[in-house]
N, C-alpha and C. Protein backbone atom coordinates (compact mmCIF):
# COMPACT_ATOMS: atom_id res chain seq x y z
N UNK A 1 20.75 -8.10 47.04
CA UNK A 1 19.19 -8.05 47.17
C UNK A 1 18.76 -8.49 47.57
N UNK A 2 17.24 -8.99 48.83
CA UNK A 2 16.19 -10.12 48.71
C UNK A 2 15.71 -10.60 47.76
N UNK A 3 15.39 -11.94 47.52
CA UNK A 3 14.55 -12.37 46.67
C UNK A 3 13.51 -13.05 47.42
N UNK A 4 12.74 -13.57 46.90
CA UNK A 4 10.97 -14.28 47.28
C UNK A 4 11.26 -15.16 46.43
N UNK A 5 11.25 -14.61 45.58
CA UNK A 5 10.97 -16.45 44.00
C UNK A 5 11.48 -15.52 42.54
N UNK A 6 12.09 -15.95 42.18
CA UNK A 6 11.04 -15.70 40.25
C UNK A 6 10.37 -17.00 39.83
N UNK A 7 9.03 -16.02 38.79
CA UNK A 7 8.42 -17.60 38.65
C UNK A 7 8.60 -16.54 36.78
N UNK A 8 8.47 -17.58 36.42
CA UNK A 8 8.23 -17.66 34.56
C UNK A 8 7.34 -18.30 34.48
N UNK A 9 6.49 -16.93 32.91
CA UNK A 9 4.97 -18.06 32.64
C UNK A 9 4.11 -17.30 32.87
N UNK A 10 4.61 -16.59 33.83
CA UNK A 10 3.42 -15.61 34.26
C UNK A 10 1.92 -15.05 33.24
N UNK A 11 0.86 -14.97 33.50
CA UNK A 11 0.06 -14.42 32.06
C UNK A 11 -0.92 -13.65 33.61
N UNK A 12 -0.76 -13.42 34.53
CA UNK A 12 -1.47 -13.41 35.65
C UNK A 12 -0.92 -11.29 36.31
N UNK A 13 0.65 -11.64 35.68
CA UNK A 13 1.15 -10.04 36.34
C UNK A 13 1.15 -9.31 35.77
N UNK A 14 0.77 -9.10 34.28
CA UNK A 14 0.89 -7.87 33.65
C UNK A 14 0.67 -8.20 32.05
N UNK A 15 0.31 -7.96 31.27
CA UNK A 15 0.56 -8.01 29.83
C UNK A 15 0.98 -9.54 29.40
N UNK A 16 0.46 -10.09 29.07
CA UNK A 16 1.58 -10.59 27.40
C UNK A 16 2.02 -12.11 28.77
N UNK A 17 3.15 -12.85 28.62
CA UNK A 17 3.53 -13.73 28.83
C UNK A 17 4.78 -12.96 30.24
N UNK A 18 4.86 -13.21 31.61
CA UNK A 18 5.30 -12.42 31.90
C UNK A 18 6.80 -13.04 33.07
N UNK A 19 7.80 -12.76 33.28
CA UNK A 19 8.56 -13.32 34.38
C UNK A 19 8.67 -11.92 35.81
N UNK A 20 7.95 -13.21 36.40
CA UNK A 20 7.67 -12.01 37.82
C UNK A 20 8.85 -12.13 38.94
N UNK A 21 9.08 -11.26 39.47
CA UNK A 21 10.76 -11.23 40.42
C UNK A 21 9.39 -10.54 41.27
N UNK A 22 9.31 -11.44 42.22
CA UNK A 22 9.21 -11.26 43.99
C UNK A 22 10.23 -10.95 45.14
N UNK A 23 10.78 -9.90 45.24
CA UNK A 23 11.42 -9.40 45.61
C UNK A 23 10.81 -9.15 47.73
N UNK A 24 12.06 -9.27 47.93
CA UNK A 24 11.25 -9.43 50.08
C UNK A 24 11.43 -8.02 50.58
N UNK A 25 10.72 -7.44 51.47
CA UNK A 25 10.69 -6.48 52.40
C UNK A 25 9.61 -5.59 51.73
N UNK A 26 8.24 -5.29 52.93
CA UNK A 26 7.28 -4.30 51.86
C UNK A 26 7.51 -3.73 53.69
N UNK A 27 7.09 -2.43 53.48
CA UNK A 27 6.81 -1.28 54.68
C UNK A 27 4.91 -1.55 54.76
N UNK A 28 3.99 -2.11 54.44
CA UNK A 28 2.61 -1.58 53.79
C UNK A 28 1.61 -2.69 54.77
N UNK A 29 1.76 -2.95 54.87
CA UNK A 29 1.35 -5.17 55.87
C UNK A 29 -0.04 -4.87 55.37
N UNK A 30 -0.71 -4.73 53.92
CA UNK A 30 -1.58 -4.20 53.66
C UNK A 30 -2.39 -5.68 54.02
N UNK A 31 -3.59 -5.60 54.31
CA UNK A 31 -4.72 -6.49 55.33
C UNK A 31 -4.99 -7.19 54.52
N UNK A 32 -5.43 -8.50 54.01
CA UNK A 32 -4.97 -9.47 52.90
C UNK A 32 -4.32 -10.17 51.96
N UNK A 33 -2.44 -8.84 52.35
CA UNK A 33 -2.18 -9.59 50.87
C UNK A 33 -2.13 -10.75 50.38
N UNK A 34 -1.77 -11.11 49.34
CA UNK A 34 -1.65 -12.40 48.79
C UNK A 34 -0.13 -13.31 49.46
N UNK A 35 0.20 -12.25 50.34
CA UNK A 35 1.89 -12.64 50.38
C UNK A 35 2.95 -12.32 51.71
N UNK A 36 2.48 -12.30 52.55
CA UNK A 36 2.51 -11.71 53.78
C UNK A 36 3.96 -12.39 54.45
N UNK A 37 3.87 -12.59 53.76
CA UNK A 37 6.02 -13.92 53.88
C UNK A 37 6.43 -13.06 53.42
N UNK A 38 6.44 -11.72 52.46
CA UNK A 38 7.53 -11.12 51.46
C UNK A 38 7.59 -9.69 52.80
N UNK A 39 6.74 -10.11 53.40
CA UNK A 39 6.62 -8.47 54.34
C UNK A 39 8.42 -8.91 54.95
N UNK A 40 8.79 -8.89 55.36
CA UNK A 40 10.00 -9.46 56.35
C UNK A 40 11.34 -9.23 55.08
N UNK A 41 12.06 -8.68 55.07
CA UNK A 41 13.14 -8.93 53.98
C UNK A 41 13.87 -10.12 53.96
N UNK A 42 14.17 -10.42 55.64
CA UNK A 42 15.06 -11.83 56.00
C UNK A 42 14.34 -12.80 55.15
N UNK A 43 13.12 -13.29 54.89
CA UNK A 43 12.60 -14.04 54.41
C UNK A 43 12.83 -14.16 52.84
N UNK A 44 13.48 -13.76 52.58
CA UNK A 44 14.21 -13.57 50.64
C UNK A 44 15.71 -14.41 51.35
N UNK A 45 15.93 -14.58 49.96
CA UNK A 45 17.00 -15.34 49.38
C UNK A 45 17.65 -14.09 48.88
N UNK A 46 19.64 -13.68 48.84
CA UNK A 46 20.06 -13.27 48.18
C UNK A 46 20.49 -13.20 47.98
N UNK A 47 20.59 -13.23 46.79
CA UNK A 47 21.03 -12.49 44.97
C UNK A 47 21.52 -11.28 44.65
N UNK A 48 22.33 -11.28 43.54
CA UNK A 48 23.20 -10.26 42.68
C UNK A 48 22.79 -10.10 41.84
N UNK A 49 22.57 -8.90 41.21
CA UNK A 49 21.94 -8.28 40.20
C UNK A 49 22.37 -9.18 38.96
N UNK A 50 23.10 -9.76 39.31
CA UNK A 50 23.67 -10.44 38.29
C UNK A 50 22.99 -12.37 37.58
N UNK A 51 23.08 -12.64 39.28
CA UNK A 51 22.03 -13.57 38.85
C UNK A 51 20.27 -13.16 39.26
N UNK A 52 20.19 -11.93 39.39
CA UNK A 52 18.81 -12.24 39.42
C UNK A 52 18.89 -11.78 37.64
N UNK A 53 19.08 -10.82 36.84
CA UNK A 53 19.56 -10.83 35.46
C UNK A 53 19.57 -12.30 34.91
N UNK A 54 20.23 -13.12 34.74
CA UNK A 54 20.88 -13.92 34.44
C UNK A 54 19.36 -15.19 34.00
N UNK A 55 18.47 -15.23 35.53
CA UNK A 55 17.82 -16.59 35.59
C UNK A 55 16.79 -15.26 34.54
N UNK A 56 16.42 -14.25 34.99
CA UNK A 56 15.30 -13.38 33.97
C UNK A 56 16.15 -13.78 32.36
N UNK A 57 16.27 -13.38 31.59
CA UNK A 57 17.40 -13.76 30.70
C UNK A 57 17.77 -15.90 30.14
N UNK A 58 17.48 -16.30 30.92
CA UNK A 58 16.82 -17.37 30.71
C UNK A 58 16.25 -18.16 30.14
N UNK A 59 15.36 -17.24 30.36
CA UNK A 59 13.62 -17.24 29.85
C UNK A 59 13.10 -15.80 28.42
N UNK A 60 13.91 -16.53 26.98
CA UNK A 60 13.84 -15.15 25.88
C UNK A 60 12.64 -14.60 25.64
N UNK A 61 11.62 -15.84 25.87
CA UNK A 61 10.65 -15.35 25.49
C UNK A 61 9.78 -14.45 26.15
N UNK A 62 10.17 -14.07 27.41
CA UNK A 62 8.64 -13.07 28.90
C UNK A 62 9.34 -12.08 28.89
N UNK A 63 8.20 -11.25 28.40
CA UNK A 63 9.18 -9.68 29.18
C UNK A 63 8.90 -9.92 31.07
N UNK A 64 8.80 -9.07 31.46
CA UNK A 64 9.15 -8.61 32.98
C UNK A 64 8.45 -8.18 34.37
N UNK A 65 7.63 -8.37 35.01
CA UNK A 65 7.16 -8.04 35.87
C UNK A 65 8.08 -8.29 37.61
N UNK A 66 8.46 -6.61 37.92
CA UNK A 66 8.64 -6.28 39.43
C UNK A 66 8.03 -6.71 40.34
N UNK A 67 7.19 -7.39 40.98
CA UNK A 67 6.52 -7.22 42.17
C UNK A 67 7.18 -8.05 43.58
N UNK A 68 6.75 -7.92 44.84
CA UNK A 68 6.76 -7.96 46.10
C UNK A 68 5.90 -8.80 46.84
N UNK A 69 6.03 -8.64 47.73
CA UNK A 69 6.85 -7.41 48.82
C UNK A 69 6.38 -5.97 48.23
N UNK A 70 7.48 -5.31 48.24
CA UNK A 70 7.23 -3.94 47.42
C UNK A 70 9.13 -3.62 47.02
N UNK A 71 8.73 -3.22 45.26
CA UNK A 71 10.83 -3.30 44.78
C UNK A 71 10.61 -2.00 45.52
N UNK A 72 10.49 -0.87 45.71
CA UNK A 72 10.67 -0.29 46.14
C UNK A 72 11.72 -0.25 47.76
N UNK A 73 11.40 -1.00 48.30
CA UNK A 73 11.75 -1.01 49.30
C UNK A 73 13.50 -1.11 49.12
N UNK A 74 13.81 -1.84 48.18
CA UNK A 74 15.13 -2.02 47.76
C UNK A 74 15.83 -1.52 46.43
N UNK A 75 15.10 -0.10 46.53
CA UNK A 75 15.02 0.66 45.12
C UNK A 75 16.71 0.71 44.32
N UNK A 76 17.19 1.02 45.24
CA UNK A 76 19.02 1.08 44.46
C UNK A 76 19.22 -0.28 43.19
N UNK A 77 18.89 -1.21 44.32
CA UNK A 77 19.14 -2.68 43.37
C UNK A 77 18.24 -3.06 42.67
N UNK A 78 17.00 -2.66 42.81
CA UNK A 78 16.54 -3.20 42.12
C UNK A 78 16.22 -2.22 40.39
N UNK A 79 16.23 -0.59 41.34
CA UNK A 79 16.71 -0.48 39.89
C UNK A 79 17.83 -0.64 38.89
N UNK A 80 18.87 -1.16 39.58
CA UNK A 80 19.90 -1.79 38.79
C UNK A 80 19.69 -3.19 37.88
N UNK A 81 18.72 -4.23 38.09
CA UNK A 81 18.39 -4.71 36.81
C UNK A 81 17.26 -4.21 36.30
N UNK A 82 16.36 -2.93 37.31
CA UNK A 82 15.55 -2.60 35.72
C UNK A 82 16.45 -2.23 34.38
N UNK A 83 17.44 -1.72 34.89
CA UNK A 83 18.04 -1.30 33.24
C UNK A 83 18.67 -2.39 33.11
N UNK A 84 19.44 -3.32 33.34
CA UNK A 84 19.51 -4.30 32.60
C UNK A 84 19.06 -4.94 31.84
N UNK A 85 17.63 -5.22 32.33
CA UNK A 85 16.13 -5.32 31.68
C UNK A 85 16.36 -4.70 30.23
N UNK A 86 16.46 -3.78 31.13
CA UNK A 86 16.07 -2.65 29.96
C UNK A 86 17.08 -2.50 28.80
N UNK A 87 18.10 -2.58 29.21
CA UNK A 87 18.92 -3.48 27.94
C UNK A 87 18.70 -4.11 27.12
N UNK A 88 18.08 -5.74 27.66
CA UNK A 88 17.67 -6.76 26.86
C UNK A 88 16.76 -6.33 26.01
N UNK A 89 15.65 -5.69 26.53
CA UNK A 89 14.41 -4.76 25.34
C UNK A 89 13.89 -5.70 26.23
N UNK A 90 13.34 -5.79 27.48
CA UNK A 90 12.29 -6.46 28.04
C UNK A 90 11.23 -5.32 28.50
N UNK A 91 10.10 -5.38 28.02
CA UNK A 91 9.10 -4.77 28.96
C UNK A 91 8.94 -4.56 30.26
N UNK A 92 8.76 -3.68 30.90
CA UNK A 92 9.31 -3.66 32.07
C UNK A 92 7.17 -3.56 32.96
N UNK A 93 6.73 -4.31 33.94
CA UNK A 93 5.48 -3.76 34.88
C UNK A 93 6.65 -3.94 36.13
N UNK A 94 5.72 -2.80 37.18
CA UNK A 94 5.89 -2.87 38.67
C UNK A 94 4.66 -2.97 39.16
N UNK A 95 5.61 -3.16 40.63
CA UNK A 95 3.62 -3.41 41.10
C UNK A 95 4.04 -2.71 42.68
N UNK A 96 3.44 -1.77 43.04
CA UNK A 96 3.98 -0.67 44.44
C UNK A 96 2.60 -0.74 45.27
N UNK A 97 3.25 -0.45 46.70
CA UNK A 97 1.52 -0.45 46.86
C UNK A 97 1.94 1.44 46.90
N UNK A 98 2.62 1.82 46.52
CA UNK A 98 2.70 3.46 46.79
C UNK A 98 2.17 3.56 45.97
N UNK A 99 1.57 4.89 45.67
CA UNK A 99 0.70 5.59 44.69
C UNK A 99 1.72 6.60 44.02
N UNK A 100 1.56 6.70 42.40
CA UNK A 100 2.13 7.46 41.77
C UNK A 100 2.85 8.92 41.94
N UNK A 101 1.75 9.25 43.21
CA UNK A 101 2.80 10.55 43.52
C UNK A 101 3.37 10.82 44.00
N UNK A 102 2.68 9.46 45.29
CA UNK A 102 3.42 9.86 46.53
C UNK A 102 5.80 9.31 46.21
N UNK A 103 5.43 8.29 44.58
CA UNK A 103 6.81 8.04 43.99
C UNK A 103 6.95 9.61 43.20
N UNK A 104 6.99 10.46 42.65
CA UNK A 104 7.32 11.23 41.84
C UNK A 104 7.21 12.22 42.88
N UNK A 105 7.04 12.04 43.84
CA UNK A 105 7.48 13.38 45.21
C UNK A 105 8.25 13.06 46.12
N UNK A 106 9.07 11.94 45.57
CA UNK A 106 10.03 11.53 46.70
C UNK A 106 11.39 12.03 46.16
N UNK A 107 12.69 12.33 46.68
CA UNK A 107 13.65 13.56 46.91
C UNK A 107 14.78 11.94 46.34
N UNK A 108 14.30 11.27 46.44
CA UNK A 108 15.22 9.43 46.37
C UNK A 108 15.65 9.57 44.42
N UNK A 109 16.68 9.21 43.71
CA UNK A 109 17.06 9.31 42.82
C UNK A 109 16.73 8.47 41.74
N UNK A 110 16.93 7.20 42.74
CA UNK A 110 16.70 5.42 42.88
C UNK A 110 15.08 5.71 41.34
N UNK A 111 13.96 5.73 42.85
CA UNK A 111 12.96 6.08 42.02
C UNK A 111 12.60 6.12 41.30
N UNK A 112 13.23 8.02 41.04
CA UNK A 112 12.54 8.46 39.70
C UNK A 112 13.89 7.89 38.80
N UNK A 113 14.26 7.16 38.99
CA UNK A 113 15.11 6.04 37.53
C UNK A 113 14.75 5.05 37.05
N UNK A 114 14.08 3.81 38.17
CA UNK A 114 13.73 3.59 38.55
C UNK A 114 11.83 3.06 37.20
N UNK A 115 11.68 3.96 38.04
CA UNK A 115 10.54 4.39 36.85
C UNK A 115 10.47 4.87 35.65
N UNK A 116 12.22 5.26 35.22
CA UNK A 116 11.86 5.65 33.52
C UNK A 116 12.67 4.63 33.02
N UNK A 117 12.91 3.58 34.05
CA UNK A 117 13.09 1.83 33.22
C UNK A 117 11.80 1.20 32.44
N UNK A 118 10.22 1.38 33.63
CA UNK A 118 9.15 0.65 33.81
C UNK A 118 8.80 1.24 32.40
N UNK A 119 7.43 0.10 31.84
CA UNK A 119 6.58 0.55 31.46
C UNK A 119 4.90 0.77 31.85
N UNK A 120 5.02 -0.05 32.72
CA UNK A 120 3.79 0.20 32.82
C UNK A 120 3.83 0.01 35.04
N UNK A 121 3.17 1.07 36.09
CA UNK A 121 3.10 1.13 36.89
C UNK A 121 1.88 0.46 37.39
N UNK A 122 1.34 -0.77 37.90
CA UNK A 122 0.00 -0.30 39.04
C UNK A 122 0.71 0.30 40.09
N UNK A 123 -0.11 0.65 40.84
CA UNK A 123 0.39 1.09 41.76
C UNK A 123 -0.64 1.19 42.99
N UNK A 124 -0.76 1.93 44.74
CA UNK A 124 -1.87 1.68 45.54
C UNK A 124 -1.32 0.67 46.06
N UNK A 125 -2.48 0.74 46.93
CA UNK A 125 -1.24 -0.91 48.50
C UNK A 125 -3.10 -1.20 47.78
N UNK A 126 -3.10 -2.77 48.05
CA UNK A 126 -4.37 -3.92 48.21
C UNK A 126 -4.71 -3.51 49.51
N UNK A 127 -6.43 -2.93 49.02
CA UNK A 127 -6.93 -2.23 49.67
C UNK A 127 -8.66 -3.54 49.83
N UNK A 128 -8.94 -4.21 51.32
CA UNK A 128 -9.41 -6.07 51.02
C UNK A 128 -10.96 -5.39 50.72
N UNK A 129 -11.07 -3.94 51.45
CA UNK A 129 -12.70 -4.00 51.09
C UNK A 129 -13.37 -3.73 49.55
N UNK A 130 -11.51 -3.15 48.72
CA UNK A 130 -12.03 -3.15 47.25
C UNK A 130 -11.59 -4.12 46.85
N UNK A 131 -11.09 -5.03 47.40
CA UNK A 131 -11.00 -6.41 46.32
C UNK A 131 -11.49 -6.38 45.36
N UNK A 132 -11.45 -7.43 44.12
CA UNK A 132 -12.75 -7.12 43.02
C UNK A 132 -12.06 -7.71 42.38
N UNK A 133 -12.07 -9.72 41.95
CA UNK A 133 -11.27 -10.37 41.35
C UNK A 133 -10.92 -10.33 40.25
N UNK A 134 -12.76 -9.45 39.44
CA UNK A 134 -13.04 -9.42 38.35
C UNK A 134 -11.39 -8.06 37.19
N UNK A 135 -11.41 -7.92 38.37
CA UNK A 135 -10.22 -6.91 37.43
C UNK A 135 -8.83 -7.19 36.88
N UNK A 136 -8.41 -6.99 36.12
CA UNK A 136 -7.55 -7.23 35.09
C UNK A 136 -5.84 -6.95 35.99
N UNK A 137 -5.15 -7.72 35.66
CA UNK A 137 -3.83 -7.22 36.75
C UNK A 137 -3.29 -6.68 37.89
N UNK A 138 -4.95 -6.91 38.75
CA UNK A 138 -4.56 -5.65 40.12
C UNK A 138 -5.41 -6.24 41.11
N UNK A 139 -5.57 -6.66 42.01
CA UNK A 139 -6.61 -6.65 43.20
C UNK A 139 -7.80 -5.88 43.54
N UNK A 140 -7.46 -4.68 43.69
CA UNK A 140 -8.27 -3.80 44.46
C UNK A 140 -8.54 -2.54 43.50
N UNK A 141 -9.98 -2.19 43.56
CA UNK A 141 -10.40 -1.17 42.79
C UNK A 141 -9.61 0.26 42.83
N UNK A 142 -8.91 0.68 44.35
CA UNK A 142 -8.30 1.63 43.60
C UNK A 142 -6.64 1.83 43.41
N UNK A 143 -6.56 -0.25 42.83
CA UNK A 143 -5.31 0.14 42.10
C UNK A 143 -5.38 0.70 41.04
N UNK A 144 -4.26 0.95 39.64
CA UNK A 144 -4.07 1.83 39.24
C UNK A 144 -3.40 1.20 38.35
N UNK A 145 -3.17 1.22 37.23
CA UNK A 145 -2.69 0.77 35.88
C UNK A 145 -1.83 2.41 35.21
N UNK A 146 -0.73 2.40 35.16
CA UNK A 146 -0.57 3.75 34.06
C UNK A 146 0.75 3.34 33.54
N UNK A 147 0.35 3.85 32.91
CA UNK A 147 1.46 4.07 31.61
C UNK A 147 2.64 5.30 31.16
N UNK A 148 3.86 4.54 31.61
CA UNK A 148 4.93 4.67 31.67
C UNK A 148 5.76 5.02 30.77
N UNK A 149 5.51 4.59 29.16
CA UNK A 149 5.49 4.76 28.38
C UNK A 149 5.84 6.44 27.49
N UNK A 150 6.30 6.76 26.82
CA UNK A 150 6.12 7.99 26.50
C UNK A 150 4.74 8.76 25.77
N UNK A 151 4.58 7.85 24.89
CA UNK A 151 3.03 8.06 24.34
C UNK A 151 1.49 7.41 25.82
N UNK A 152 2.24 7.15 26.33
CA UNK A 152 1.71 7.35 27.87
C UNK A 152 1.41 8.65 29.25
N UNK A 153 2.69 8.64 28.84
CA UNK A 153 3.23 9.62 29.57
C UNK A 153 2.69 11.12 28.57
N UNK A 154 2.31 11.27 28.07
CA UNK A 154 1.66 12.30 26.86
C UNK A 154 -0.25 12.17 26.62
N UNK A 155 -0.10 10.70 26.54
CA UNK A 155 -1.90 10.69 26.38
C UNK A 155 -2.52 11.03 28.26
N UNK A 156 -1.22 11.46 29.68
CA UNK A 156 -1.62 11.03 30.95
C UNK A 156 -2.90 9.77 30.60
N UNK A 157 -2.57 8.81 30.13
CA UNK A 157 -2.94 7.33 30.51
C UNK A 157 -2.92 6.70 31.35
N UNK A 158 -3.81 7.17 32.58
CA UNK A 158 -4.43 5.78 33.53
C UNK A 158 -5.40 5.24 34.26
N UNK A 159 -5.84 4.22 34.38
CA UNK A 159 -6.54 3.19 33.54
C UNK A 159 -6.97 2.45 34.63
N UNK A 160 -8.55 2.85 35.20
CA UNK A 160 -8.94 2.29 36.94
C UNK A 160 -9.72 0.68 36.32
N UNK A 161 -10.87 0.98 35.76
CA UNK A 161 -12.00 -0.55 35.64
C UNK A 161 -11.42 -0.80 34.85
N UNK A 162 -11.37 -0.63 33.08
CA UNK A 162 -11.01 -1.61 32.60
C UNK A 162 -10.22 -1.27 31.92
N UNK A 163 -9.33 -2.30 31.62
CA UNK A 163 -7.77 -2.04 30.92
C UNK A 163 -8.08 -2.98 29.44
N UNK A 164 -7.17 -2.41 28.79
CA UNK A 164 -7.33 -2.76 27.14
C UNK A 164 -6.44 -1.84 26.62
N UNK A 165 -5.23 -2.30 26.40
CA UNK A 165 -3.64 -2.45 25.74
C UNK A 165 -3.74 -1.74 23.77
């Protein structure tokens, strides 16, 4: 799979201390994107599932955020990474330019499997006109933080403007 970067000890890409995997490739091309270089999958470095998991596991104190680019652009391989990380007990956040509804409507089984490994989904494209730097863990007001845990699904927990876990 193609990876732009893996950053340890982030506090802005989800709750708590996190290791963030930035995947290459994105079909959204959001105006004002903070990482337009990630749009082109060829800008990434080829890494195996094992290499990504080993790098993340080298920092046992952090949970994980899957970001991009667009993690669902390489969904089969990202799904394998998420499965392994979940087996290590990691809390997983995933950022996507797709909406939750678009992902749920997909017939791709890897999309549904990947969502099953994730605890929190931050969905929706970055919209420059809705940019808001005061929002925790997202860049524009249209983006939602969705609790994908069993409890979150039961409570239909979607948080738009104020995030308190």
